[in-house]
Structure formats: structure tokens, C-alpha cells
């Protein structure tokens, strides 16, 4: 960290940005592995690429490197139990929170799920950013997202109509 930038202050400042909550999963040697994360983003429409950021100290790093694949489940509102389960607070009453998509485990209760093959790994300080080429996806139009802001889970307060027609973005109309 550059001199003068306090790591705790930096983390708290980044926490001011509201995000969705995801479960990043992989399958290695016929075992499913998962972790809760909010460092996820779309990268490209053509080819379809997404990115996740994994700490170099996380067990998930070696698992994704070993499998060459990962999945992302964008959690829906009301799935705090799943988020906490994969954040290192196992809940024996959670049942079977995962199902299969294209050979990878994904959350049963998600607003969107993506299965990928690792396209590239980028060293980024104390993290590695994995770019994943999407091989399969599913969405739930009715699901509202689980959100995370300043260390707390939340949800959208009301449903509002979309501001932009998605076709507008596909036509090359970008900000």
C-alpha cells in the first residue's frame, strides 16, 4: 500500500460502493468448492467474458487454477443464509444450496448464474483477476438482487422500470 494510504480506510472507502453479492464456485477432483465475493463484473459481450477477483491468500485461488473453470452465482434477495454459508460460517441446516450448470456448481437461489472457462489470469497486487469465457448462463427475471453496502446486506426498496432498453447497448450506444 502506498505510504499515507491506510489499508482499513481504503477498504472502508471501497465499501461505500454498493454491490451485488455472488458465490464463486468451482469443481475439482469431483468436489465442489465455493466462496462469497462481491468482486465480480462483466467485461465483454463479444466474446462473453466476466471477471472475478480472488485474494492470493484465498484457498479458491489454487482451486480455480487447478480446475481451469469457475462459476458465478449472483445471489437473489433473501439468500443471506447462502452468502454467510460460503463466507466461512457453515450452516448445517442450509440443505443442498448448489445445483449443476455445464459441469459446475451454482446456487439454487440466484438471480443469474454463469459457467466459465478461465480465459486469462491477471496478477493484480494481493489479488488475481480471472477472466472467464462464459459457456452457459441462466437468469431469473423475477429475482431481486441481494446487495452489500458498508459491510451490510440489503435489497432494493422498490422495483423501477429500466432506464435503458438493453437493445440500445447492443447497438454500440455506450456512455
Protein backbone atom coordinates (compact mmCIF):
# COMPACT_ATOMS: atom_id res chain seq x y z
CA UNK A 1 0.00 0.00 0.00
CA UNK A 2 1.45 3.43 -0.90
CA UNK A 3 2.73 5.44 2.02
CA UNK A 4 -0.06 7.51 3.53
CA UNK A 5 -2.93 5.22 2.45
CA UNK A 6 -4.27 3.34 5.45
CA UNK A 7 -5.48 -0.15 4.39
CA UNK A 8 -8.52 -0.02 6.70
CA UNK A 9 -9.52 3.44 5.44
CA UNK A 10 -9.07 2.22 1.84
CA UNK A 11 -11.27 -0.83 2.47
CA UNK A 12 -13.93 1.30 4.15
CA UNK A 13 -13.90 3.79 1.26
CA UNK A 14 -14.37 0.93 -1.23
CA UNK A 15 -17.25 -0.31 0.94
CA UNK A 16 -19.11 2.90 0.11
CA UNK A 17 -19.75 1.40 -3.33
CA UNK A 18 -22.90 -0.76 -3.18
CA UNK A 19 -22.51 -4.10 -4.96
CA UNK A 20 -24.31 -7.32 -5.58
CA UNK A 21 -23.33 -10.48 -3.73
CA UNK A 22 -22.00 -13.53 -5.54
CA UNK A 23 -20.90 -17.05 -4.84
CA UNK A 24 -17.82 -18.04 -6.83
CA UNK A 25 -17.63 -21.81 -7.25
CA UNK A 26 -15.55 -24.45 -8.95
CA UNK A 27 -15.32 -28.23 -9.13
CA UNK A 28 -12.01 -30.03 -8.71
CA UNK A 29 -11.49 -33.79 -8.32
CA UNK A 30 -15.28 -34.30 -8.11
CA UNK A 31 -15.57 -31.92 -5.13
CA UNK A 32 -17.48 -28.64 -5.14
CA UNK A 33 -15.92 -25.53 -3.61
CA UNK A 34 -17.36 -22.06 -3.12
CA UNK A 35 -16.77 -18.65 -1.59
CA UNK A 36 -18.79 -15.48 -1.17
CA UNK A 37 -17.47 -12.43 -3.01
CA UNK A 38 -18.58 -9.09 -4.38
CA UNK A 39 -15.64 -8.55 -6.76
CA UNK A 40 -17.44 -9.54 -10.00
CA UNK A 41 -18.05 -7.68 -13.24
CA UNK A 42 -18.99 -8.13 -16.86
CA UNK A 43 -16.08 -7.49 -19.23
CA UNK A 44 -17.13 -8.14 -22.83
CA UNK A 45 -20.20 -9.04 -24.87
CA UNK A 46 -18.19 -10.48 -27.78
CA UNK A 47 -16.74 -12.78 -26.66
CA UNK A 48 -18.83 -13.09 -23.49
CA UNK A 49 -16.35 -12.51 -20.65
CA UNK A 50 -16.78 -11.92 -16.92
CA UNK A 51 -14.17 -11.27 -14.23
CA UNK A 52 -13.72 -12.18 -10.58
CA UNK A 53 -11.01 -11.02 -8.21
CA UNK A 54 -9.57 -13.58 -5.78
CA UNK A 55 -7.17 -12.81 -2.93
CA UNK A 56 -3.83 -14.58 -3.23
CA UNK A 57 -4.38 -15.89 0.31
CA UNK A 58 -7.76 -17.48 -0.55
CA UNK A 59 -7.99 -21.27 -0.97
CA UNK A 60 -10.18 -20.62 -4.02
CA UNK A 61 -7.19 -19.29 -5.97
CA UNK A 62 -5.46 -22.69 -6.25
CA UNK A 63 -8.80 -24.42 -6.86
CA UNK A 64 -9.64 -22.24 -9.87
CA UNK A 65 -6.08 -22.54 -11.16
CA UNK A 66 -6.34 -26.33 -10.81
CA UNK A 67 -9.74 -26.72 -12.47
CA UNK A 68 -9.40 -24.02 -15.13
CA UNK A 69 -13.07 -23.21 -14.62
CA UNK A 70 -15.30 -21.18 -12.32
CA UNK A 71 -18.95 -20.25 -11.96
CA UNK A 72 -20.57 -17.13 -10.57
CA UNK A 73 -23.99 -17.10 -8.91
CA UNK A 74 -25.48 -13.63 -8.46
CA UNK A 75 -27.48 -14.07 -5.26
CA UNK A 76 -31.10 -13.03 -5.01
CA UNK A 77 -32.64 -11.06 -2.17
CA UNK A 78 -33.38 -13.32 0.79
CA UNK A 79 -30.30 -15.53 0.31
CA UNK A 80 -28.21 -14.11 3.13
CA UNK A 81 -28.03 -17.65 4.56
CA UNK A 82 -26.26 -18.88 1.42
CA UNK A 83 -23.92 -15.87 1.40
CA UNK A 84 -22.93 -16.48 5.02
CA UNK A 85 -22.55 -20.24 4.46
CA UNK A 86 -19.95 -19.63 1.74
CA UNK A 87 -18.33 -16.78 3.69
CA UNK A 88 -16.95 -19.28 6.20
CA UNK A 89 -19.93 -19.60 8.52
CA UNK A 90 -21.24 -23.06 7.56
CA UNK A 91 -24.91 -23.70 8.25
CA UNK A 92 -25.80 -27.40 8.59
CA UNK A 93 -29.49 -26.55 8.12
CA UNK A 94 -28.98 -24.97 4.70
CA UNK A 95 -29.58 -28.22 2.84
CA UNK A 96 -28.17 -28.53 -0.68
CA UNK A 97 -27.64 -24.93 -1.83
CA UNK A 98 -25.96 -25.89 -5.12
CA UNK A 99 -27.04 -27.42 -8.43
CA UNK A 100 -25.20 -28.11 -11.69
CA UNK A 101 -24.73 -25.85 -14.72
CA UNK A 102 -22.42 -27.02 -17.51
CA UNK A 103 -20.42 -29.20 -15.12
CA UNK A 104 -20.02 -26.55 -12.43
CA UNK A 105 -21.84 -25.95 -9.13
CA UNK A 106 -24.11 -22.88 -8.97
CA UNK A 107 -26.52 -21.57 -6.33
CA UNK A 108 -30.11 -22.81 -6.49
CA UNK A 109 -31.49 -19.41 -5.46
CA UNK A 110 -29.81 -16.87 -7.72
CA UNK A 111 -30.90 -14.07 -10.00
CA UNK A 112 -28.26 -15.10 -12.56
CA UNK A 113 -25.65 -17.85 -12.90
CA UNK A 114 -22.65 -18.07 -15.23
CA UNK A 115 -20.39 -21.06 -16.00
CA UNK A 116 -16.98 -20.20 -17.45
CA UNK A 117 -13.62 -21.45 -18.64
CA UNK A 118 -10.65 -19.38 -17.47
CA UNK A 119 -9.53 -17.22 -20.39
CA UNK A 120 -6.77 -15.35 -18.58
CA UNK A 121 -5.38 -14.77 -15.08
CA UNK A 122 -4.00 -11.31 -14.31
CA UNK A 123 -1.75 -10.60 -11.34
CA UNK A 124 -3.16 -7.56 -9.51
CA UNK A 125 -1.35 -6.72 -6.26
CA UNK A 126 -2.60 -9.00 -3.50
CA UNK A 127 -5.27 -10.48 -5.81
CA UNK A 128 -5.52 -12.40 -9.08
CA UNK A 129 -8.21 -11.34 -11.55
CA UNK A 130 -9.64 -14.26 -13.52
CA UNK A 131 -11.29 -13.51 -16.85
CA UNK A 132 -13.81 -16.23 -17.61
CA UNK A 133 -15.26 -17.03 -21.03
CA UNK A 134 -18.95 -17.75 -20.42
CA UNK A 135 -20.02 -21.21 -21.63
CA UNK A 136 -23.52 -21.20 -20.12
CA UNK A 137 -25.82 -18.83 -18.26
CA UNK A 138 -29.30 -18.66 -16.78
CA UNK A 139 -31.29 -15.75 -15.38
CA UNK A 140 -34.39 -15.32 -13.26
CA UNK A 141 -36.34 -12.27 -14.40
CA UNK A 142 -38.38 -12.17 -11.18
CA UNK A 143 -35.50 -12.27 -8.69
CA UNK A 144 -34.42 -9.07 -6.97
CA UNK A 145 -30.70 -8.85 -6.10
CA UNK A 146 -29.07 -9.24 -2.72
CA UNK A 147 -26.94 -6.14 -2.17
CA UNK A 148 -23.94 -5.32 0.01
CA UNK A 149 -23.02 -1.84 1.27
CA UNK A 150 -20.71 -0.76 4.09
CA UNK A 151 -20.49 -4.29 5.48
CA UNK A 152 -24.24 -5.00 5.46
CA UNK A 153 -26.61 -6.94 3.28
CA UNK A 154 -29.54 -5.09 1.75
CA UNK A 155 -32.11 -5.15 -1.00
CA UNK A 156 -33.68 -2.78 -3.49
CA UNK A 157 -36.53 -0.83 -1.94
CA UNK A 158 -38.80 -0.75 -4.94
CA UNK A 159 -38.89 -2.04 -8.44
CA UNK A 160 -38.44 0.66 -11.05
CA UNK A 161 -38.76 0.37 -14.83
CA UNK A 162 -35.48 0.03 -16.73
CA UNK A 163 -33.91 3.32 -17.74
CA UNK A 164 -32.45 1.89 -20.95
CA UNK A 165 -33.61 -0.64 -23.49
CA UNK A 166 -30.94 -3.42 -23.47
CA UNK A 167 -31.01 -3.41 -27.30
CA UNK A 168 -29.73 0.17 -27.19
CA UNK A 169 -26.50 -1.03 -25.57
CA UNK A 170 -26.03 -3.81 -28.13
CA UNK A 171 -26.23 -1.28 -30.96
CA UNK A 172 -22.99 0.33 -29.79
CA UNK A 173 -24.63 3.21 -27.91
CA UNK A 174 -22.26 3.49 -24.95
CA UNK A 175 -21.52 6.24 -22.50
